[in-house]
Amino acid sequence: MDLSIVIVNYNTRQLTLDCLQSVFASETGYKFEVIVVDNHSHDDSVERIRSEYPQVTMIVNEENTGFSYANNQAMKVSSGRYILLLNSDTIIQKDTLEIMLSLMDGHPEVGASGCKVILPDGSLDKACKRGFPTPSASFYYAFGFSKWFPNQPKFNQYQLSYLDPDEEYPIDCLVGAFMLVRRETIDQVGILDEDFFMYAEDTDWCYRIKEAGWVNYYYPRTTIVHYKGGSAPRRPLKIIYEFHRSMVLFYNKHYRKQYNPLVSAAIYAGIGVQFAMAVAKSGLSFFMKKKELPAATSSGDKGTFSG
């Protein structure tokens, strides 16, 4: 088996089916298997996937175990020389698997690779090529310096906007929506850290892969489309919490010992302020929708609020 494709599903039935359709439409000489882990969906995802794609290996969880844990479940039973983490809200091209596996076979120093990821409107998903979120990189990103000086490497350590997205190069960090990893690399650095429920697990993995001497490589010779946030809107407060918790986890794991307590205090304070603002924004949005709902319903226009 050349490739094991791992997809985690959580209430994203149609997105997952569309993703699977694109996978099985691939034109490649490589042999692959697909493992879908369902994280206790409440729709009919499991039944539909089993019915329409009986060749898929299904793992059905009785609770939402989180993104890292679910991916690890699949990796433990996979048999491919390579593992591809693929989000359920993505569509790959017919040539994607062939191009990316050919890259990996031709470059044994590459531990993990990713392709160009675009959003439905055709713009770049900037998460597909990133630097590590060091304190300085996070500072310049959070306070807008990266937007003011997009072509200055010093101020764009995180999103790397000064690098041409149509050129290939080694980078710090790929995105878990499409991350192709060599089996030998996983054997050396381990699987995903399950302390991360659903954010920053890819960043942590890339950090460990690079730290172990492997190359993380951005290769835009093929593209995928990422319908970002497929399952996130269903639990906004949980998503907000896990997003900010992951920042703390990553900093504590990789950076805290390198910086003095004042820097750490500033980092924690910044994350706390961001968390509070995000919660307030979510609450205001919910309140405004609740406030507008009766008028929308009485007029017979339920489209905006019908879920």
C-alpha atoms as a PDB file:
ATOM      1  CA  MET A   1       0.000   0.000   0.000  1.00  0.00           C
ATOM      2  CA  ASP A   2       1.456   3.341  -1.047  1.00  0.00           C
ATOM      3  CA  LEU A   3      -0.891   5.762   0.660  1.00  0.00           C
ATOM      4  CA  SER A   4      -3.364   5.817   3.523  1.00  0.00           C
ATOM      5  CA  ILE A   5      -5.799   8.730   3.318  1.00  0.00           C
ATOM      6  CA  VAL A   6      -7.295   9.704   6.675  1.00  0.00           C
ATOM      7  CA  ILE A   7     -10.489  11.772   6.855  1.00  0.00           C
ATOM      8  CA  VAL A   8     -12.233  12.782  10.086  1.00  0.00           C
ATOM      9  CA  ASN A   9     -15.973  13.403   9.811  1.00  0.00           C
ATOM     10  CA  TYR A  10     -18.139  15.293  12.266  1.00  0.00           C
ATOM     11  CA  ASN A  11     -21.614  16.170  10.986  1.00  0.00           C
ATOM     12  CA  THR A  12     -20.231  17.028   7.545  1.00  0.00           C
ATOM     13  CA  ARG A  13     -21.999  14.337   5.539  1.00  0.00           C
ATOM     14  CA  GLN A  14     -22.253  16.087   2.177  1.00  0.00           C
ATOM     15  CA  LEU A  15     -18.838  17.690   2.423  1.00  0.00           C
ATOM     16  CA  THR A  16     -17.301  14.316   3.233  1.00  0.00           C
ATOM     17  CA  LEU A  17     -19.124  12.607   0.372  1.00  0.00           C
ATOM     18  CA  ASP A  18     -17.915  15.298  -2.024  1.00  0.00           C
ATOM     19  CA  CYS A  19     -14.378  14.907  -0.694  1.00  0.00           C
ATOM     20  CA  LEU A  20     -14.525  11.132  -1.171  1.00  0.00           C
ATOM     21  CA  GLN A  21     -15.824  11.573  -4.695  1.00  0.00           C
ATOM     22  CA  SER A  22     -12.796  13.706  -5.551  1.00  0.00           C
ATOM     23  CA  VAL A  23     -10.443  11.175  -3.969  1.00  0.00           C
ATOM     24  CA  PHE A  24     -11.814   8.208  -5.898  1.00  0.00           C
ATOM     25  CA  ALA A  25     -11.768  10.216  -9.115  1.00  0.00           C
ATOM     26  CA  SER A  26      -7.981  10.497  -8.791  1.00  0.00           C
ATOM     27  CA  GLU A  27      -5.856   9.494 -11.756  1.00  0.00           C
ATOM     28  CA  THR A  28      -2.825   7.814 -10.218  1.00  0.00           C
ATOM     29  CA  GLY A  29      -0.753   4.690 -10.492  1.00  0.00           C
ATOM     30  CA  TYR A  30      -0.281   4.615  -6.731  1.00  0.00           C
ATOM     31  CA  LYS A  31      -2.327   2.248  -4.583  1.00  0.00           C
ATOM     32  CA  PHE A  32      -4.260   3.915  -1.785  1.00  0.00           C
ATOM     33  CA  GLU A  33      -6.707   3.150   0.984  1.00  0.00           C
ATOM     34  CA  VAL A  34      -9.187   5.521   2.626  1.00  0.00           C
ATOM     35  CA  ILE A  35      -9.991   5.486   6.339  1.00  0.00           C
ATOM     36  CA  VAL A  36     -12.837   7.664   7.602  1.00  0.00           C
ATOM     37  CA  VAL A  37     -13.226   8.263  11.324  1.00  0.00           C
ATOM     38  CA  ASP A  38     -16.660   9.483  12.383  1.00  0.00           C
ATOM     39  CA  ASN A  39     -16.570  11.489  15.604  1.00  0.00           C
ATOM     40  CA  HIS A  40     -20.121  10.732  16.800  1.00  0.00           C
ATOM     41  CA  SER A  41     -22.003  12.604  14.093  1.00  0.00           C
ATOM     42  CA  HIS A  42     -25.719  13.230  14.588  1.00  0.00           C
ATOM     43  CA  ASP A  43     -26.554  13.225  10.895  1.00  0.00           C
ATOM     44  CA  ASP A  44     -26.634  10.127   8.683  1.00  0.00           C
ATOM     45  CA  SER A  45     -22.975  10.408   7.705  1.00  0.00           C
ATOM     46  CA  VAL A  46     -22.048   6.857   8.662  1.00  0.00           C
ATOM     47  CA  GLU A  47     -24.910   5.225   6.790  1.00  0.00           C
ATOM     48  CA  ARG A  48     -24.408   7.311   3.657  1.00  0.00           C
ATOM     49  CA  ILE A  49     -20.645   6.814   3.517  1.00  0.00           C
ATOM     50  CA  ARG A  50     -20.969   3.072   4.032  1.00  0.00           C
ATOM     51  CA  SER A  51     -23.665   2.887   1.373  1.00  0.00           C
ATOM     52  CA  GLU A  52     -21.963   4.985  -1.294  1.00  0.00           C
ATOM     53  CA  TYR A  53     -18.336   4.035  -0.601  1.00  0.00           C
ATOM     54  CA  PRO A  54     -18.218   0.466   0.755  1.00  0.00           C
ATOM     55  CA  GLN A  55     -14.472   0.309  -0.013  1.00  0.00           C
ATOM     56  CA  VAL A  56     -13.817   2.891   2.704  1.00  0.00           C
ATOM     57  CA  THR A  57     -12.698   1.650   6.114  1.00  0.00           C
ATOM     58  CA  MET A  58     -14.967   3.220   8.742  1.00  0.00           C
ATOM     59  CA  ILE A  59     -14.144   3.833  12.391  1.00  0.00           C
ATOM     60  CA  VAL A  60     -17.207   5.004  14.302  1.00  0.00           C
ATOM     61  CA  ASN A  61     -16.677   6.690  17.666  1.00  0.00           C
ATOM     62  CA  GLU A  62     -19.338   6.908  20.369  1.00  0.00           C
ATOM     63  CA  GLU A  63     -18.182  10.395  21.356  1.00  0.00           C
ATOM     64  CA  ASN A  64     -16.381  13.320  19.769  1.00  0.00           C
ATOM     65  CA  THR A  65     -12.807  12.396  20.553  1.00  0.00           C
ATOM     66  CA  GLY A  66     -11.235  15.408  18.863  1.00  0.00           C
ATOM     67  CA  PHE A  67      -9.310  15.792  15.635  1.00  0.00           C
ATOM     68  CA  SER A  68      -5.932  14.555  16.867  1.00  0.00           C
ATOM     69  CA  TYR A  69      -7.248  11.441  18.570  1.00  0.00           C
ATOM     70  CA  ALA A  70      -9.415  10.497  15.594  1.00  0.00           C
ATOM     71  CA  ASN A  71      -6.548  10.875  13.122  1.00  0.00           C
ATOM     72  CA  ASN A  72      -4.348   8.783  15.388  1.00  0.00           C
ATOM     73  CA  GLN A  73      -6.957   6.021  15.472  1.00  0.00           C
ATOM     74  CA  ALA A  74      -6.776   5.784  11.697  1.00  0.00           C
ATOM     75  CA  MET A  75      -2.993   6.012  11.535  1.00  0.00           C
ATOM     76  CA  LYS A  76      -2.665   3.083  13.946  1.00  0.00           C
ATOM     77  CA  VAL A  77      -4.567   0.773  11.583  1.00  0.00           C
ATOM     78  CA  SER A  78      -3.208   2.214   8.322  1.00  0.00           C
ATOM     79  CA  SER A  79      -0.785   0.350   6.075  1.00  0.00           C
ATOM     80  CA  GLY A  80       0.477   2.955   3.599  1.00  0.00           C
ATOM     81  CA  ARG A  81       4.070   4.073   3.065  1.00  0.00           C
ATOM     82  CA  TYR A  82       2.651   7.571   3.394  1.00  0.00           C
ATOM     83  CA  ILE A  83      -0.178   9.031   5.461  1.00  0.00           C
ATOM     84  CA  LEU A  84      -2.332  11.864   4.125  1.00  0.00           C
ATOM     85  CA  LEU A  85      -4.349  13.896   6.585  1.00  0.00           C
ATOM     86  CA  LEU A  86      -7.222  15.271   4.522  1.00  0.00           C
ATOM     87  CA  ASN A  87     -10.008  17.476   5.846  1.00  0.00           C
ATOM     88  CA  SER A  88     -13.550  16.434   5.085  1.00  0.00           C
ATOM     89  CA  ASP A  89     -14.240  19.925   3.672  1.00  0.00           C
ATOM     90  CA  THR A  90     -11.698  19.691   0.863  1.00  0.00           C
ATOM     91  CA  ILE A  91     -11.783  18.768  -2.812  1.00  0.00           C
ATOM     92  CA  ILE A  92      -8.620  17.429  -4.416  1.00  0.00           C
ATOM     93  CA  GLN A  93      -7.747  17.478  -8.112  1.00  0.00           C
ATOM     94  CA  LYS A  94      -7.395  14.368 -10.256  1.00  0.00           C
ATOM     95  CA  ASP A  95      -3.621  14.787 -10.346  1.00  0.00           C
ATOM     96  CA  THR A  96      -3.077  15.707  -6.685  1.00  0.00           C
ATOM     97  CA  LEU A  97      -2.175  12.281  -5.337  1.00  0.00           C
ATOM     98  CA  GLU A  98       0.089  11.415  -8.280  1.00  0.00           C
ATOM     99  CA  ILE A  99       1.995  14.700  -8.073  1.00  0.00           C
ATOM    100  CA  MET A 100       2.441  14.735  -4.321  1.00  0.00           C
ATOM    101  CA  LEU A 101       3.467  11.095  -3.994  1.00  0.00           C
ATOM    102  CA  SER A 102       5.942  11.491  -6.849  1.00  0.00           C
ATOM    103  CA  LEU A 103       7.468  14.415  -4.953  1.00  0.00           C
ATOM    104  CA  MET A 104       7.853  12.347  -1.795  1.00  0.00           C
ATOM    105  CA  ASP A 105       9.336   9.365  -3.626  1.00  0.00           C
ATOM    106  CA  GLY A 106      11.866  11.614  -5.339  1.00  0.00           C
ATOM    107  CA  HIS A 107      12.925  13.519  -2.208  1.00  0.00           C
ATOM    108  CA  PRO A 108      13.652  11.202   0.734  1.00  0.00           C
ATOM    109  CA  GLU A 109      14.715  14.148   2.909  1.00  0.00           C
ATOM    110  CA  VAL A 110      11.133  15.479   2.905  1.00  0.00           C
ATOM    111  CA  GLY A 111       9.254  14.262   5.952  1.00  0.00           C
ATOM    112  CA  ALA A 112       5.997  16.076   5.230  1.00  0.00           C
ATOM    113  CA  SER A 113       4.625  17.999   2.286  1.00  0.00           C
ATOM    114  CA  GLY A 114       1.623  20.077   1.364  1.00  0.00           C
ATOM    115  CA  CYS A 115       0.205  21.495  -1.838  1.00  0.00           C
ATOM    116  CA  LYS A 116      -1.323  24.863  -2.626  1.00  0.00           C
ATOM    117  CA  VAL A 117      -4.658  25.271  -0.850  1.00  0.00           C
ATOM    118  CA  ILE A 118      -7.233  27.714  -2.163  1.00  0.00           C
ATOM    119  CA  LEU A 119     -10.555  28.886  -0.781  1.00  0.00           C
ATOM    120  CA  PRO A 120     -13.822  28.668  -2.748  1.00  0.00           C
ATOM    121  CA  ASP A 121     -13.403  32.254  -3.964  1.00  0.00           C
ATOM    122  CA  GLY A 122     -10.043  31.368  -5.507  1.00  0.00           C
ATOM    123  CA  SER A 123      -7.910  33.155  -2.926  1.00  0.00           C
ATOM    124  CA  LEU A 124      -5.022  31.462  -1.141  1.00  0.00           C
ATOM    125  CA  ASP A 125      -5.653  29.704   2.159  1.00  0.00           C
ATOM    126  CA  LYS A 126      -2.682  31.311   3.879  1.00  0.00           C
ATOM    127  CA  ALA A 127      -2.500  28.501   6.425  1.00  0.00           C
ATOM    128  CA  CYS A 128      -0.987  26.173   3.809  1.00  0.00           C
ATOM    129  CA  LYS A 129       2.461  27.830   4.119  1.00  0.00           C
ATOM    130  CA  ARG A 130       3.377  29.284   7.468  1.00  0.00           C
ATOM    131  CA  GLY A 131       6.190  29.986   9.849  1.00  0.00           C
ATOM    132  CA  PHE A 132       6.068  28.838  13.448  1.00  0.00           C
ATOM    133  CA  PRO A 133       4.151  31.139  15.839  1.00  0.00           C
ATOM    134  CA  THR A 134       7.131  32.379  17.814  1.00  0.00           C
ATOM    135  CA  PRO A 135       6.451  35.266  20.205  1.00  0.00           C
ATOM    136  CA  SER A 136       7.840  37.791  17.705  1.00  0.00           C
ATOM    137  CA  ALA A 137       5.943  36.276  14.763  1.00  0.00           C
ATOM    138  CA  SER A 138       2.737  36.255  16.801  1.00  0.00           C
ATOM    139  CA  PHE A 139       3.267  39.860  17.893  1.00  0.00           C
ATOM    140  CA  TYR A 140       3.753  41.189  14.353  1.00  0.00           C
ATOM    141  CA  TYR A 141       0.767  39.175  13.141  1.00  0.00           C
ATOM    142  CA  ALA A 142      -1.615  40.070  16.000  1.00  0.00           C
ATOM    143  CA  PHE A 143      -0.897  43.807  15.853  1.00  0.00           C
ATOM    144  CA  GLY A 144      -1.180  44.156  12.085  1.00  0.00           C
ATOM    145  CA  PHE A 145       2.452  44.697  11.132  1.00  0.00           C
ATOM    146  CA  SER A 146       2.244  41.807   8.667  1.00  0.00           C
ATOM    147  CA  LYS A 147      -0.605  43.567   6.825  1.00  0.00           C
ATOM    148  CA  TRP A 148       1.129  46.945   6.815  1.00  0.00           C
ATOM    149  CA  PHE A 149       4.420  45.515   5.535  1.00  0.00           C
ATOM    150  CA  PRO A 150       3.452  42.405   3.545  1.00  0.00           C
ATOM    151  CA  ASN A 151       6.766  42.174   1.691  1.00  0.00           C
ATOM    152  CA  GLN A 152       9.017  42.459   4.745  1.00  0.00           C
ATOM    153  CA  PRO A 153      10.227  39.078   6.080  1.00  0.00           C
ATOM    154  CA  LYS A 154      10.742  40.485   9.579  1.00  0.00           C
ATOM    155  CA  PHE A 155       7.062  41.354   9.910  1.00  0.00           C
ATOM    156  CA  ASN A 156       5.744  38.280   8.080  1.00  0.00           C
ATOM    157  CA  GLN A 157       7.373  35.438   9.942  1.00  0.00           C
ATOM    158  CA  TYR A 158       4.028  33.699  10.381  1.00  0.00           C
ATOM    159  CA  GLN A 159       2.030  33.910   7.135  1.00  0.00           C
ATOM    160  CA  LEU A 160       5.106  34.311   4.917  1.00  0.00           C
ATOM    161  CA  SER A 161       3.267  36.634   2.531  1.00  0.00           C
ATOM    162  CA  TYR A 162       6.594  37.776   1.039  1.00  0.00           C
ATOM    163  CA  LEU A 163       7.061  34.297  -0.497  1.00  0.00           C
ATOM    164  CA  ASP A 164       5.465  33.585  -3.876  1.00  0.00           C
ATOM    165  CA  PRO A 165       2.633  31.045  -3.349  1.00  0.00           C
ATOM    166  CA  ASP A 166       3.322  29.626  -6.816  1.00  0.00           C
ATOM    167  CA  GLU A 167       6.916  28.697  -6.005  1.00  0.00           C
ATOM    168  CA  GLU A 168       8.083  25.643  -4.056  1.00  0.00           C
ATOM    169  CA  TYR A 169      10.319  25.740  -0.974  1.00  0.00           C
ATOM    170  CA  PRO A 170      10.923  24.286   2.488  1.00  0.00           C
ATOM    171  CA  ILE A 171       8.831  25.953   5.163  1.00  0.00           C
ATOM    172  CA  ASP A 172       8.176  25.599   8.869  1.00  0.00           C
ATOM    173  CA  CYS A 173       4.554  24.649   8.905  1.00  0.00           C
ATOM    174  CA  LEU A 174       1.966  22.987   6.659  1.00  0.00           C
ATOM    175  CA  VAL A 175      -1.772  22.758   7.247  1.00  0.00           C
ATOM    176  CA  GLY A 176      -3.599  19.701   8.565  1.00  0.00           C
ATOM    177  CA  ALA A 177      -6.295  20.093   5.901  1.00  0.00           C
ATOM    178  CA  PHE A 178      -3.799  18.463   3.498  1.00  0.00           C
ATOM    179  CA  MET A 179      -0.633  17.077   5.028  1.00  0.00           C
ATOM    180  CA  LEU A 180       1.264  14.191   3.444  1.00  0.00           C
ATOM    181  CA  VAL A 181       3.668  12.524   5.885  1.00  0.00           C
ATOM    182  CA  ARG A 182       6.243   9.794   5.392  1.00  0.00           C
ATOM    183  CA  ARG A 183       5.793   6.626   7.471  1.00  0.00           C
ATOM    184  CA  GLU A 184       9.436   6.678   8.604  1.00  0.00           C
ATOM    185  CA  THR A 185       8.943  10.231   9.824  1.00  0.00           C
ATOM    186  CA  ILE A 186       5.949   9.236  11.922  1.00  0.00           C
ATOM    187  CA  ASP A 187       7.876   6.277  13.338  1.00  0.00           C
ATOM    188  CA  GLN A 188      10.576   8.696  14.464  1.00  0.00           C
ATOM    189  CA  VAL A 189       8.599  11.679  15.809  1.00  0.00           C
ATOM    190  CA  GLY A 190       5.362   9.974  16.844  1.00  0.00           C
ATOM    191  CA  ILE A 191       1.746  10.597  15.956  1.00  0.00           C
ATOM    192  CA  LEU A 192      -0.339  13.695  16.713  1.00  0.00           C
ATOM    193  CA  ASP A 193      -0.347  15.088  20.243  1.00  0.00           C
ATOM    194  CA  GLU A 194      -3.819  14.341  21.599  1.00  0.00           C
ATOM    195  CA  ASP A 195      -3.639  17.204  24.097  1.00  0.00           C
ATOM    196  CA  PHE A 196      -4.616  19.354  21.113  1.00  0.00           C
ATOM    197  CA  PHE A 197      -8.330  18.752  20.562  1.00  0.00           C
ATOM    198  CA  MET A 198      -8.662  20.308  17.111  1.00  0.00           C
ATOM    199  CA  TYR A 199      -6.284  23.250  16.628  1.00  0.00           C
ATOM    200  CA  ALA A 200      -2.472  23.571  16.400  1.00  0.00           C
ATOM    201  CA  GLU A 201      -1.946  19.808  16.239  1.00  0.00           C
ATOM    202  CA  ASP A 202      -0.589  20.280  12.714  1.00  0.00           C
ATOM    203  CA  THR A 203       1.739  23.072  13.853  1.00  0.00           C
ATOM    204  CA  ASP A 204       3.009  20.933  16.712  1.00  0.00           C
ATOM    205  CA  TRP A 205       3.573  17.978  14.361  1.00  0.00           C
ATOM    206  CA  CYS A 206       5.472  20.145  11.880  1.00  0.00           C
ATOM    207  CA  TYR A 207       7.597  21.519  14.709  1.00  0.00           C
ATOM    208  CA  ARG A 208       8.550  18.025  15.842  1.00  0.00           C
ATOM    209  CA  ILE A 209       9.176  16.878  12.258  1.00  0.00           C
ATOM    210  CA  LYS A 210      11.526  19.777  11.542  1.00  0.00           C
ATOM    211  CA  GLU A 211      13.194  19.454  14.940  1.00  0.00           C
ATOM    212  CA  ALA A 212      13.992  15.815  14.095  1.00  0.00           C
ATOM    213  CA  GLY A 213      15.853  16.916  10.963  1.00  0.00           C
ATOM    214  CA  TRP A 214      13.196  16.313   8.307  1.00  0.00           C
ATOM    215  CA  VAL A 215      12.066  18.887   5.752  1.00  0.00           C
ATOM    216  CA  ASN A 216       8.537  20.286   5.604  1.00  0.00           C
ATOM    217  CA  TYR A 217       7.958  21.172   1.960  1.00  0.00           C
ATOM    218  CA  TYR A 218       5.438  23.412   0.218  1.00  0.00           C
ATOM    219  CA  TYR A 219       4.751  22.170  -3.327  1.00  0.00           C
ATOM    220  CA  PRO A 220       2.179  24.199  -5.333  1.00  0.00           C
ATOM    221  CA  ARG A 221       2.278  22.034  -8.470  1.00  0.00           C
ATOM    222  CA  THR A 222      -1.255  20.936  -7.668  1.00  0.00           C
ATOM    223  CA  THR A 223      -4.060  22.575  -5.697  1.00  0.00           C
ATOM    224  CA  ILE A 224      -6.985  21.604  -3.542  1.00  0.00           C
ATOM    225  CA  VAL A 225     -10.052  23.607  -2.539  1.00  0.00           C
ATOM    226  CA  HIS A 226     -10.746  24.061   1.166  1.00  0.00           C
ATOM    227  CA  TYR A 227     -14.303  24.875   2.257  1.00  0.00           C
ATOM    228  CA  LYS A 228     -12.970  26.133   5.536  1.00  0.00           C
ATOM    229  CA  GLY A 229     -14.761  25.553   8.828  1.00  0.00           C
ATOM    230  CA  GLY A 230     -17.080  22.735   7.756  1.00  0.00           C
ATOM    231  CA  SER A 231     -17.992  21.614  11.270  1.00  0.00           C
ATOM    232  CA  ALA A 232     -16.855  24.630  13.296  1.00  0.00           C
ATOM    233  CA  PRO A 233     -20.034  26.783  13.152  1.00  0.00           C
ATOM    234  CA  ARG A 234     -22.084  24.171  14.994  1.00  0.00           C
ATOM    235  CA  ARG A 235     -20.336  24.724  18.349  1.00  0.00           C
ATOM    236  CA  PRO A 236     -18.970  28.280  18.305  1.00  0.00           C
ATOM    237  CA  LEU A 237     -18.038  28.600  21.986  1.00  0.00           C
ATOM    238  CA  LYS A 238     -16.321  25.213  21.991  1.00  0.00           C
ATOM    239  CA  ILE A 239     -14.417  26.185  18.859  1.00  0.00           C
ATOM    240  CA  ILE A 240     -13.354  29.531  20.351  1.00  0.00           C
ATOM    241  CA  TYR A 241     -12.200  27.845  23.546  1.00  0.00           C
ATOM    242  CA  GLU A 242     -10.199  25.105  21.803  1.00  0.00           C
ATOM    243  CA  PHE A 243      -8.602  27.585  19.413  1.00  0.00           C
ATOM    244  CA  HIS A 244      -7.209  29.705  22.223  1.00  0.00           C
ATOM    245  CA  ARG A 245      -6.390  26.757  24.460  1.00  0.00           C
ATOM    246  CA  SER A 246      -4.244  25.352  21.654  1.00  0.00           C
ATOM    247  CA  MET A 247      -2.200  28.568  21.610  1.00  0.00           C
ATOM    248  CA  VAL A 248      -1.376  28.139  25.286  1.00  0.00           C
ATOM    249  CA  LEU A 249      -0.558  24.451  24.841  1.00  0.00           C
ATOM    250  CA  PHE A 250       1.782  25.108  21.929  1.00  0.00           C
ATOM    251  CA  TYR A 251       3.585  27.960  23.679  1.00  0.00           C
ATOM    252  CA  ASN A 252       4.023  25.958  26.877  1.00  0.00           C
ATOM    253  CA  LYS A 253       5.318  22.933  24.997  1.00  0.00           C
ATOM    254  CA  HIS A 254       7.815  24.600  22.691  1.00  0.00           C
ATOM    255  CA  TYR A 255       8.634  28.144  23.793  1.00  0.00           C
ATOM    256  CA  ARG A 256       7.982  28.851  27.471  1.00  0.00           C
ATOM    257  CA  LYS A 257      11.368  27.575  28.658  1.00  0.00           C
ATOM    258  CA  GLN A 258      13.147  29.788  26.101  1.00  0.00           C
ATOM    259  CA  TYR A 259      11.686  33.072  27.384  1.00  0.00           C
ATOM    260  CA  ASN A 260      11.626  34.911  30.679  1.00  0.00           C
ATOM    261  CA  PRO A 261       8.449  35.051  32.789  1.00  0.00           C
ATOM    262  CA  LEU A 262       7.584  38.582  31.629  1.00  0.00           C
ATOM    263  CA  VAL A 263       7.407  37.471  28.002  1.00  0.00           C
ATOM    264  CA  SER A 264       5.295  34.483  28.986  1.00  0.00           C
ATOM    265  CA  ALA A 265       2.971  36.703  31.026  1.00  0.00           C
ATOM    266  CA  ALA A 266       2.524  38.984  28.015  1.00  0.00           C
ATOM    267  CA  ILE A 267       1.756  35.993  25.786  1.00  0.00           C
ATOM    268  CA  TYR A 268      -0.857  34.630  28.199  1.00  0.00           C
ATOM    269  CA  ALA A 269      -2.412  38.063  28.607  1.00  0.00           C
ATOM    270  CA  GLY A 270      -2.621  38.549  24.860  1.00  0.00           C
ATOM    271  CA  ILE A 271      -4.301  35.174  24.386  1.00  0.00           C
ATOM    272  CA  GLY A 272      -6.697  35.966  27.223  1.00  0.00           C
ATOM    273  CA  VAL A 273      -7.705  39.295  25.668  1.00  0.00           C
ATOM    274  CA  GLN A 274      -8.190  37.654  22.268  1.00  0.00           C
ATOM    275  CA  PHE A 275     -10.326  34.941  23.868  1.00  0.00           C
ATOM    276  CA  ALA A 276     -12.508  37.461  25.697  1.00  0.00           C
ATOM    277  CA  MET A 277     -13.007  39.513  22.537  1.00  0.00           C
ATOM    278  CA  ALA A 278     -13.900  36.418  20.523  1.00  0.00           C
ATOM    279  CA  VAL A 279     -16.454  35.289  23.113  1.00  0.00           C
ATOM    280  CA  ALA A 280     -17.968  38.769  23.243  1.00  0.00           C
ATOM    281  CA  LYS A 281     -18.191  38.923  19.455  1.00  0.00           C
ATOM    282  CA  SER A 282     -19.831  35.486  19.307  1.00  0.00           C
ATOM    283  CA  GLY A 283     -22.311  36.436  22.022  1.00  0.00           C
ATOM    284  CA  LEU A 284     -23.201  39.690  20.290  1.00  0.00           C
ATOM    285  CA  SER A 285     -23.728  37.892  17.001  1.00  0.00           C
ATOM    286  CA  PHE A 286     -26.008  35.339  18.688  1.00  0.00           C
ATOM    287  CA  PHE A 287     -27.966  38.103  20.434  1.00  0.00           C
ATOM    288  CA  MET A 288     -28.464  40.047  17.207  1.00  0.00           C
ATOM    289  CA  LYS A 289     -29.719  36.976  15.406  1.00  0.00           C
ATOM    290  CA  LYS A 290     -32.139  36.181  18.226  1.00  0.00           C
ATOM    291  CA  LYS A 291     -33.345  39.757  18.189  1.00  0.00           C
ATOM    292  CA  GLU A 292     -33.953  39.769  14.439  1.00  0.00           C
ATOM    293  CA  LEU A 293     -35.499  36.287  14.248  1.00  0.00           C
ATOM    294  CA  PRO A 294     -39.189  37.188  14.961  1.00  0.00           C
ATOM    295  CA  ALA A 295     -39.262  39.852  12.264  1.00  0.00           C
ATOM    296  CA  ALA A 296     -37.679  37.541   9.732  1.00  0.00           C
ATOM    297  CA  THR A 297     -40.072  34.740  10.598  1.00  0.00           C
ATOM    298  CA  SER A 298     -43.204  36.899  10.476  1.00  0.00           C
ATOM    299  CA  SER A 299     -42.309  38.116   7.017  1.00  0.00           C
ATOM    300  CA  GLY A 300     -42.034  34.569   5.799  1.00  0.00           C
ATOM    301  CA  ASP A 301     -38.300  34.893   5.094  1.00  0.00           C
ATOM    302  CA  LYS A 302     -36.630  32.182   7.150  1.00  0.00           C
ATOM    303  CA  GLY A 303     -33.617  31.700   4.938  1.00  0.00           C
ATOM    304  CA  THR A 304     -31.151  33.674   7.054  1.00  0.00           C
ATOM    305  CA  PHE A 305     -31.943  31.919  10.307  1.00  0.00           C
ATOM    306  CA  SER A 306     -33.175  28.487   9.365  1.00  0.00           C
ATOM    307  CA  GLY A 307     -29.795  26.869  10.026  1.00  0.00           C
END
